[in-house]
Each structure stands twice: as structure tokens, then as C-alpha cells.
Amino acid sequence: SWHGMDFPLHTDTPVEDYYKSYCEALRTVDDSIGSVME
């Protein structure tokens, strides 16, 4: 289904690709915390 790993968001994109992009996008959120602290 749309929210299932066999048909994620109705694509054939592997979960691995989603997860890695997710964690790469998270890096800038972490940088944001650093900027606020500074």
C-alpha cells in the first residue's frame, strides 16, 4: 500500500533509498540546532 514497504508511496523505490535521503536531510536540522546554540 501507500504506507507499505512493498509499494511505498505507490512507487518501486527501495526503502534503503528513502532512509538514506531522510538521514541526509536530517543533517541540516542538526546544523540548525548548532546555529541556535552558537
All heavy atoms as atom14 arrays in JSON, in Angstrom:
{
  "sequence": "SWHGMDFPLHTDTPVEDYYKSYCEALRTVDDSIGSVME",
  "atom14_mask": [
    [1, 1, 1, 1, 1, 1, 0, 0, 0, 0, 0, 0, 0, 0],
    [1, 1, 1, 1, 1, 1, 1, 1, 1, 1, 1, 1, 1, 1],
    [1, 1, 1, 1, 1, 1, 1, 1, 1, 1, 0, 0, 0, 0],
    [1, 1, 1, 1, 0, 0, 0, 0, 0, 0, 0, 0, 0, 0],
    [1, 1, 1, 1, 1, 1, 1, 1, 0, 0, 0, 0, 0, 0],
    [1, 1, 1, 1, 1, 1, 1, 1, 0, 0, 0, 0, 0, 0],
    [1, 1, 1, 1, 1, 1, 1, 1, 1, 1, 1, 0, 0, 0],
    [1, 1, 1, 1, 1, 1, 1, 0, 0, 0, 0, 0, 0, 0],
    [1, 1, 1, 1, 1, 1, 1, 1, 0, 0, 0, 0, 0, 0],
    [1, 1, 1, 1, 1, 1, 1, 1, 1, 1, 0, 0, 0, 0],
    [1, 1, 1, 1, 1, 1, 1, 0, 0, 0, 0, 0, 0, 0],
    [1, 1, 1, 1, 1, 1, 1, 1, 0, 0, 0, 0, 0, 0],
    [1, 1, 1, 1, 1, 1, 1, 0, 0, 0, 0, 0, 0, 0],
    [1, 1, 1, 1, 1, 1, 1, 0, 0, 0, 0, 0, 0, 0],
    [1, 1, 1, 1, 1, 1, 1, 0, 0, 0, 0, 0, 0, 0],
    [1, 1, 1, 1, 1, 1, 1, 1, 1, 0, 0, 0, 0, 0],
    [1, 1, 1, 1, 1, 1, 1, 1, 0, 0, 0, 0, 0, 0],
    [1, 1, 1, 1, 1, 1, 1, 1, 1, 1, 1, 1, 0, 0],
    [1, 1, 1, 1, 1, 1, 1, 1, 1, 1, 1, 1, 0, 0],
    [1, 1, 1, 1, 1, 1, 1, 1, 1, 0, 0, 0, 0, 0],
    [1, 1, 1, 1, 1, 1, 0, 0, 0, 0, 0, 0, 0, 0],
    [1, 1, 1, 1, 1, 1, 1, 1, 1, 1, 1, 1, 0, 0],
    [1, 1, 1, 1, 1, 1, 0, 0, 0, 0, 0, 0, 0, 0],
    [1, 1, 1, 1, 1, 1, 1, 1, 1, 0, 0, 0, 0, 0],
    [1, 1, 1, 1, 1, 0, 0, 0, 0, 0, 0, 0, 0, 0],
    [1, 1, 1, 1, 1, 1, 1, 1, 0, 0, 0, 0, 0, 0],
    [1, 1, 1, 1, 1, 1, 1, 1, 1, 1, 1, 0, 0, 0],
    [1, 1, 1, 1, 1, 1, 1, 0, 0, 0, 0, 0, 0, 0],
    [1, 1, 1, 1, 1, 1, 1, 0, 0, 0, 0, 0, 0, 0],
    [1, 1, 1, 1, 1, 1, 1, 1, 0, 0, 0, 0, 0, 0],
    [1, 1, 1, 1, 1, 1, 1, 1, 0, 0, 0, 0, 0, 0],
    [1, 1, 1, 1, 1, 1, 0, 0, 0, 0, 0, 0, 0, 0],
    [1, 1, 1, 1, 1, 1, 1, 1, 0, 0, 0, 0, 0, 0],
    [1, 1, 1, 1, 0, 0, 0, 0, 0, 0, 0, 0, 0, 0],
    [1, 1, 1, 1, 1, 1, 0, 0, 0, 0, 0, 0, 0, 0],
    [1, 1, 1, 1, 1, 1, 1, 0, 0, 0, 0, 0, 0, 0],
    [1, 1, 1, 1, 1, 1, 1, 1, 0, 0, 0, 0, 0, 0],
    [1, 1, 1, 1, 1, 1, 1, 1, 1, 0, 0, 0, 0, 0]
  ],
  "atom14_positions": [
    [[0.85, -1.19, 0.0], [0.0, 0.0, 0.0], [0.88, 1.24, 0.0], [2.11, 1.16, 0.04], [-0.91, 0.02, 1.24], [-0.19, 0.43, 2.39], [0.0, 0.0, 0.0], [0.0, 0.0, 0.0], [0.0, 0.0, 0.0], [0.0, 0.0, 0.0], [0.0, 0.0, 0.0], [0.0, 0.0, 0.0], [0.0, 0.0, 0.0], [0.0, 0.0, 0.0]],
    [[0.24, 2.37, -0.03], [0.93, 3.67, 0.02], [1.89, 3.75, 1.2], [2.98, 4.32, 1.09], [-0.13, 4.77, 0.11], [0.39, 6.18, 0.2], [0.65, 6.88, 1.34], [0.69, 7.06, -0.89], [1.09, 8.15, 1.03], [1.12, 8.29, -0.33], [0.63, 6.94, -2.28], [1.49, 9.39, -1.11], [1.0, 8.03, -3.06], [1.43, 9.23, -2.48]],
    [[1.51, 3.18, 2.31], [2.35, 3.21, 3.51], [3.02, 1.87, 3.79], [3.39, 1.6, 4.95], [1.52, 3.65, 4.73], [1.15, 5.1, 4.7], [-0.02, 5.59, 5.25], [1.78, 6.17, 4.17], [-0.09, 6.89, 5.06], [1.0, 7.28, 4.42], [0.0, 0.0, 0.0], [0.0, 0.0, 0.0], [0.0, 0.0, 0.0], [0.0, 0.0, 0.0]],
    [[3.17, 1.04, 2.78], [3.83, -0.25, 2.94], [5.14, -0.3, 2.18], [5.32, 0.38, 1.17], [0.0, 0.0, 0.0], [0.0, 0.0, 0.0], [0.0, 0.0, 0.0], [0.0, 0.0, 0.0], [0.0, 0.0, 0.0], [0.0, 0.0, 0.0], [0.0, 0.0, 0.0], [0.0, 0.0, 0.0], [0.0, 0.0, 0.0], [0.0, 0.0, 0.0]],
    [[6.05, -1.13, 2.65], [7.38, -1.17, 2.05], [7.41, -1.86, 0.68], [8.37, -1.7, -0.07], [8.37, -1.86, 2.99], [8.08, -3.3, 3.29], [9.36, -4.03, 4.35], [10.77, -4.04, 3.25], [0.0, 0.0, 0.0], [0.0, 0.0, 0.0], [0.0, 0.0, 0.0], [0.0, 0.0, 0.0], [0.0, 0.0, 0.0], [0.0, 0.0, 0.0]],
    [[6.35, -2.6, 0.33], [6.31, -3.23, -0.99], [5.81, -2.29, -2.08], [6.0, -2.56, -3.27], [5.41, -4.47, -0.95], [6.07, -5.65, -0.26], [7.27, -5.54, 0.07], [5.39, -6.67, -0.04], [0.0, 0.0, 0.0], [0.0, 0.0, 0.0], [0.0, 0.0, 0.0], [0.0, 0.0, 0.0], [0.0, 0.0, 0.0], [0.0, 0.0, 0.0]],
    [[5.14, -1.21, -1.69], [4.57, -0.27, -2.66], [4.65, 1.15, -2.08], [3.66, 1.87, -2.04], [3.13, -0.67, -2.95], [2.54, -0.13, -4.23], [3.34, 0.39, -5.25], [1.17, -0.15, -4.43], [2.79, 0.88, -6.41], [0.6, 0.33, -5.59], [1.42, 0.84, -6.59], [0.0, 0.0, 0.0], [0.0, 0.0, 0.0], [0.0, 0.0, 0.0]],
    [[5.85, 1.57, -1.6], [5.96, 2.8, -0.81], [5.6, 4.05, -1.61], [6.2, 4.34, -2.64], [7.44, 2.81, -0.4], [8.13, 1.99, -1.44], [7.15, 0.94, -1.84], [0.0, 0.0, 0.0], [0.0, 0.0, 0.0], [0.0, 0.0, 0.0], [0.0, 0.0, 0.0], [0.0, 0.0, 0.0], [0.0, 0.0, 0.0], [0.0, 0.0, 0.0]],
    [[4.59, 4.77, -1.12], [4.09, 5.97, -1.78], [3.75, 5.68, -3.24], [3.85, 6.53, -4.11], [5.11, 7.11, -1.68], [5.65, 7.4, -0.27], [6.62, 8.57, -0.29], [4.53, 7.65, 0.71], [0.0, 0.0, 0.0], [0.0, 0.0, 0.0], [0.0, 0.0, 0.0], [0.0, 0.0, 0.0], [0.0, 0.0, 0.0], [0.0, 0.0, 0.0]],
    [[3.32, 4.43, -3.48], [2.93, 3.94, -4.81], [4.08, 4.02, -5.82], [3.87, 4.3, -7.0], [1.7, 4.68, -5.33], [0.45, 4.33, -4.58], [-0.73, 5.02, -4.73], [0.19, 3.35, -3.66], [-1.65, 4.48, -3.94], [-1.12, 3.47, -3.29], [0.0, 0.0, 0.0], [0.0, 0.0, 0.0], [0.0, 0.0, 0.0], [0.0, 0.0, 0.0]],
    [[5.3, 3.75, -5.34], [6.48, 3.7, -6.2], [7.14, 2.33, -6.06], [6.71, 1.5, -5.25], [7.52, 4.76, -5.8], [8.15, 4.38, -4.57], [6.87, 6.13, -5.63], [0.0, 0.0, 0.0], [0.0, 0.0, 0.0], [0.0, 0.0, 0.0], [0.0, 0.0, 0.0], [0.0, 0.0, 0.0], [0.0, 0.0, 0.0], [0.0, 0.0, 0.0]],
    [[8.2, 2.12, -6.82], [9.01, 0.92, -6.63], [10.37, 1.27, -6.04], [11.33, 0.51, -6.13], [9.18, 0.15, -7.94], [9.85, 0.98, -9.02], [10.14, 2.17, -8.77], [10.07, 0.45, -10.13], [0.0, 0.0, 0.0], [0.0, 0.0, 0.0], [0.0, 0.0, 0.0], [0.0, 0.0, 0.0], [0.0, 0.0, 0.0], [0.0, 0.0, 0.0]],
    [[10.47, 2.45, -5.41], [11.72, 2.89, -4.79], [12.04, 2.04, -3.57], [11.18, 1.86, -2.7], [11.62, 4.37, -4.38], [11.29, 5.15, -5.53], [12.93, 4.86, -3.78], [0.0, 0.0, 0.0], [0.0, 0.0, 0.0], [0.0, 0.0, 0.0], [0.0, 0.0, 0.0], [0.0, 0.0, 0.0], [0.0, 0.0, 0.0], [0.0, 0.0, 0.0]],
    [[13.26, 1.52, -3.45], [13.62, 0.73, -2.27], [13.6, 1.57, -1.0], [13.93, 2.76, -1.02], [15.05, 0.24, -2.59], [15.21, 0.41, -4.05], [14.35, 1.57, -4.45], [0.0, 0.0, 0.0], [0.0, 0.0, 0.0], [0.0, 0.0, 0.0], [0.0, 0.0, 0.0], [0.0, 0.0, 0.0], [0.0, 0.0, 0.0], [0.0, 0.0, 0.0]],
    [[13.24, 0.94, 0.11], [13.22, 1.62, 1.4], [14.59, 2.2, 1.72], [14.71, 3.28, 2.31], [12.76, 0.64, 2.5], [12.97, 1.24, 3.89], [11.29, 0.28, 2.32], [0.0, 0.0, 0.0], [0.0, 0.0, 0.0], [0.0, 0.0, 0.0], [0.0, 0.0, 0.0], [0.0, 0.0, 0.0], [0.0, 0.0, 0.0], [0.0, 0.0, 0.0]],
    [[15.66, 1.51, 1.32], [17.01, 2.0, 1.6], [17.23, 3.4, 1.04], [17.82, 4.26, 1.7], [18.04, 1.04, 0.99], [19.48, 1.52, 1.14], [20.49, 0.55, 0.58], [20.1, -0.56, 0.15], [21.69, 0.89, 0.59], [0.0, 0.0, 0.0], [0.0, 0.0, 0.0], [0.0, 0.0, 0.0], [0.0, 0.0, 0.0], [0.0, 0.0, 0.0]],
    [[16.75, 3.65, -0.17], [16.95, 4.97, -0.78], [16.22, 6.05, 0.01], [16.75, 7.15, 0.22], [16.44, 4.95, -2.23], [17.28, 4.07, -3.13], [18.29, 3.51, -2.65], [16.92, 3.92, -4.31], [0.0, 0.0, 0.0], [0.0, 0.0, 0.0], [0.0, 0.0, 0.0], [0.0, 0.0, 0.0], [0.0, 0.0, 0.0], [0.0, 0.0, 0.0]],
    [[14.99, 5.75, 0.44], [14.24, 6.71, 1.26], [14.98, 7.01, 2.57], [15.13, 8.17, 2.98], [12.86, 6.14, 1.6], [11.84, 6.21, 0.5], [11.22, 5.05, 0.03], [11.48, 7.43, -0.08], [10.27, 5.1, -0.98], [10.53, 7.48, -1.09], [9.93, 6.32, -1.53], [8.99, 6.37, -2.53], [0.0, 0.0, 0.0], [0.0, 0.0, 0.0]],
    [[15.44, 5.95, 3.21], [16.05, 6.09, 4.53], [17.34, 6.93, 4.46], [17.59, 7.79, 5.31], [16.36, 4.71, 5.11], [16.33, 4.62, 6.61], [16.3, 3.38, 7.24], [16.33, 5.75, 7.42], [16.27, 3.27, 8.62], [16.31, 5.65, 8.8], [16.27, 4.4, 9.39], [16.25, 4.3, 10.76], [0.0, 0.0, 0.0], [0.0, 0.0, 0.0]],
    [[18.14, 6.69, 3.44], [19.39, 7.44, 3.34], [19.14, 8.91, 3.03], [19.8, 9.8, 3.6], [20.29, 6.78, 2.3], [20.87, 5.45, 2.77], [21.82, 4.83, 1.78], [22.46, 3.56, 2.36], [23.4, 2.92, 1.42], [0.0, 0.0, 0.0], [0.0, 0.0, 0.0], [0.0, 0.0, 0.0], [0.0, 0.0, 0.0], [0.0, 0.0, 0.0]],
    [[18.19, 9.2, 2.14], [17.85, 10.6, 1.88], [17.31, 11.28, 3.12], [17.6, 12.46, 3.39], [16.82, 10.69, 0.74], [17.37, 10.22, -0.47], [0.0, 0.0, 0.0], [0.0, 0.0, 0.0], [0.0, 0.0, 0.0], [0.0, 0.0, 0.0], [0.0, 0.0, 0.0], [0.0, 0.0, 0.0], [0.0, 0.0, 0.0], [0.0, 0.0, 0.0]],
    [[16.53, 10.57, 3.88], [15.97, 11.06, 5.15], [17.09, 11.48, 6.1], [17.08, 12.59, 6.67], [15.1, 9.95, 5.72], [14.6, 10.07, 7.13], [13.35, 10.62, 7.4], [15.33, 9.55, 8.2], [12.85, 10.66, 8.69], [14.84, 9.58, 9.49], [13.61, 10.14, 9.74], [13.12, 10.17, 11.02], [0.0, 0.0, 0.0], [0.0, 0.0, 0.0]],
    [[18.06, 10.59, 6.29], [19.15, 10.89, 7.24], [20.08, 11.98, 6.72], [20.65, 12.73, 7.51], [19.93, 9.61, 7.54], [19.03, 8.45, 8.58], [0.0, 0.0, 0.0], [0.0, 0.0, 0.0], [0.0, 0.0, 0.0], [0.0, 0.0, 0.0], [0.0, 0.0, 0.0], [0.0, 0.0, 0.0], [0.0, 0.0, 0.0], [0.0, 0.0, 0.0]],
    [[20.19, 12.09, 5.4], [20.98, 13.19, 4.84], [20.26, 14.53, 5.07], [20.9, 15.54, 5.39], [21.21, 12.95, 3.35], [22.18, 11.81, 3.07], [22.2, 11.36, 1.61], [21.35, 11.86, 0.82], [23.03, 10.51, 1.28], [0.0, 0.0, 0.0], [0.0, 0.0, 0.0], [0.0, 0.0, 0.0], [0.0, 0.0, 0.0], [0.0, 0.0, 0.0]],
    [[18.93, 14.55, 4.93], [18.17, 15.77, 5.19], [18.2, 16.15, 6.66], [18.14, 17.33, 7.03], [16.72, 15.6, 4.72], [0.0, 0.0, 0.0], [0.0, 0.0, 0.0], [0.0, 0.0, 0.0], [0.0, 0.0, 0.0], [0.0, 0.0, 0.0], [0.0, 0.0, 0.0], [0.0, 0.0, 0.0], [0.0, 0.0, 0.0], [0.0, 0.0, 0.0]],
    [[18.32, 15.14, 7.53], [18.38, 15.39, 8.97], [19.64, 16.15, 9.36], [19.65, 16.86, 10.38], [18.31, 14.06, 9.71], [18.29, 14.09, 11.23], [17.05, 14.81, 11.75], [18.34, 12.67, 11.8], [0.0, 0.0, 0.0], [0.0, 0.0, 0.0], [0.0, 0.0, 0.0], [0.0, 0.0, 0.0], [0.0, 0.0, 0.0], [0.0, 0.0, 0.0]],
    [[20.7, 16.02, 8.58], [21.95, 16.7, 8.91], [21.76, 18.21, 9.04], [22.34, 18.85, 9.93], [23.0, 16.42, 7.81], [23.49, 14.98, 7.71], [24.39, 14.6, 8.87], [25.59, 15.41, 8.95], [26.73, 15.16, 8.31], [26.81, 14.12, 7.48], [27.78, 15.93, 8.49], [0.0, 0.0, 0.0], [0.0, 0.0, 0.0], [0.0, 0.0, 0.0]],
    [[20.94, 18.8, 8.19], [20.75, 20.25, 8.23], [19.9, 20.66, 9.42], [20.06, 21.77, 9.96], [20.14, 20.75, 6.9], [20.88, 20.21, 5.81], [20.2, 22.26, 6.81], [0.0, 0.0, 0.0], [0.0, 0.0, 0.0], [0.0, 0.0, 0.0], [0.0, 0.0, 0.0], [0.0, 0.0, 0.0], [0.0, 0.0, 0.0], [0.0, 0.0, 0.0]],
    [[18.97, 19.8, 9.85], [18.24, 20.07, 11.09], [19.21, 20.1, 12.26], [19.14, 20.97, 13.15], [17.14, 19.02, 11.31], [16.46, 19.23, 12.66], [16.1, 19.06, 10.2], [0.0, 0.0, 0.0], [0.0, 0.0, 0.0], [0.0, 0.0, 0.0], [0.0, 0.0, 0.0], [0.0, 0.0, 0.0], [0.0, 0.0, 0.0], [0.0, 0.0, 0.0]],
    [[20.13, 19.16, 12.28], [21.14, 19.14, 13.34], [22.01, 20.41, 13.29], [22.31, 21.0, 14.33], [22.01, 17.89, 13.2], [22.96, 17.71, 14.36], [22.48, 17.35, 15.45], [24.17, 17.96, 14.19], [0.0, 0.0, 0.0], [0.0, 0.0, 0.0], [0.0, 0.0, 0.0], [0.0, 0.0, 0.0], [0.0, 0.0, 0.0], [0.0, 0.0, 0.0]],
    [[22.38, 20.83, 12.09], [23.13, 22.08, 11.94], [22.34, 23.26, 12.51], [22.91, 24.2, 13.08], [23.44, 22.35, 10.47], [24.5, 21.42, 9.9], [25.2, 20.76, 10.68], [24.6, 21.35, 8.66], [0.0, 0.0, 0.0], [0.0, 0.0, 0.0], [0.0, 0.0, 0.0], [0.0, 0.0, 0.0], [0.0, 0.0, 0.0], [0.0, 0.0, 0.0]],
    [[21.03, 23.23, 12.32], [20.17, 24.3, 12.82], [20.27, 24.42, 14.34], [20.36, 25.52, 14.89], [18.72, 24.04, 12.4], [17.86, 25.03, 12.91], [0.0, 0.0, 0.0], [0.0, 0.0, 0.0], [0.0, 0.0, 0.0], [0.0, 0.0, 0.0], [0.0, 0.0, 0.0], [0.0, 0.0, 0.0], [0.0, 0.0, 0.0], [0.0, 0.0, 0.0]],
    [[20.28, 23.28, 15.01], [20.44, 23.29, 16.47], [21.77, 23.94, 16.83], [21.85, 24.76, 17.75], [20.36, 21.86, 17.03], [18.96, 21.3, 16.83], [20.75, 21.83, 18.51], [18.82, 19.83, 17.21], [0.0, 0.0, 0.0], [0.0, 0.0, 0.0], [0.0, 0.0, 0.0], [0.0, 0.0, 0.0], [0.0, 0.0, 0.0], [0.0, 0.0, 0.0]],
    [[22.83, 23.58, 16.1], [24.13, 24.17, 16.36], [24.14, 25.67, 16.18], [24.76, 26.41, 16.97], [0.0, 0.0, 0.0], [0.0, 0.0, 0.0], [0.0, 0.0, 0.0], [0.0, 0.0, 0.0], [0.0, 0.0, 0.0], [0.0, 0.0, 0.0], [0.0, 0.0, 0.0], [0.0, 0.0, 0.0], [0.0, 0.0, 0.0], [0.0, 0.0, 0.0]],
    [[23.44, 26.18, 15.16], [23.39, 27.62, 14.92], [22.66, 28.35, 16.05], [23.06, 29.44, 16.47], [22.7, 27.9, 13.58], [23.44, 27.37, 12.51], [0.0, 0.0, 0.0], [0.0, 0.0, 0.0], [0.0, 0.0, 0.0], [0.0, 0.0, 0.0], [0.0, 0.0, 0.0], [0.0, 0.0, 0.0], [0.0, 0.0, 0.0], [0.0, 0.0, 0.0]],
    [[21.57, 27.75, 16.53], [20.83, 28.35, 17.64], [21.71, 28.39, 18.89], [21.77, 29.42, 19.59], [19.54, 27.56, 17.91], [18.91, 27.98, 19.23], [18.55, 27.76, 16.77], [0.0, 0.0, 0.0], [0.0, 0.0, 0.0], [0.0, 0.0, 0.0], [0.0, 0.0, 0.0], [0.0, 0.0, 0.0], [0.0, 0.0, 0.0], [0.0, 0.0, 0.0]],
    [[22.39, 27.3, 19.18], [23.26, 27.26, 20.36], [24.37, 28.3, 20.27], [24.7, 28.98, 21.25], [23.86, 25.87, 20.52], [22.85, 24.78, 20.83], [21.98, 25.06, 22.39], [21.11, 23.49, 22.55], [0.0, 0.0, 0.0], [0.0, 0.0, 0.0], [0.0, 0.0, 0.0], [0.0, 0.0, 0.0], [0.0, 0.0, 0.0], [0.0, 0.0, 0.0]],
    [[24.95, 28.44, 19.08], [26.02, 29.42, 18.89], [25.51, 30.84, 19.12], [26.21, 31.68, 19.73], [26.6, 29.27, 17.49], [27.8, 30.17, 17.21], [28.99, 29.89, 18.12], [29.13, 28.73, 18.58], [29.77, 30.83, 18.38], [0.0, 0.0, 0.0], [0.0, 0.0, 0.0], [0.0, 0.0, 0.0], [0.0, 0.0, 0.0], [0.0, 0.0, 0.0]]
  ]
}
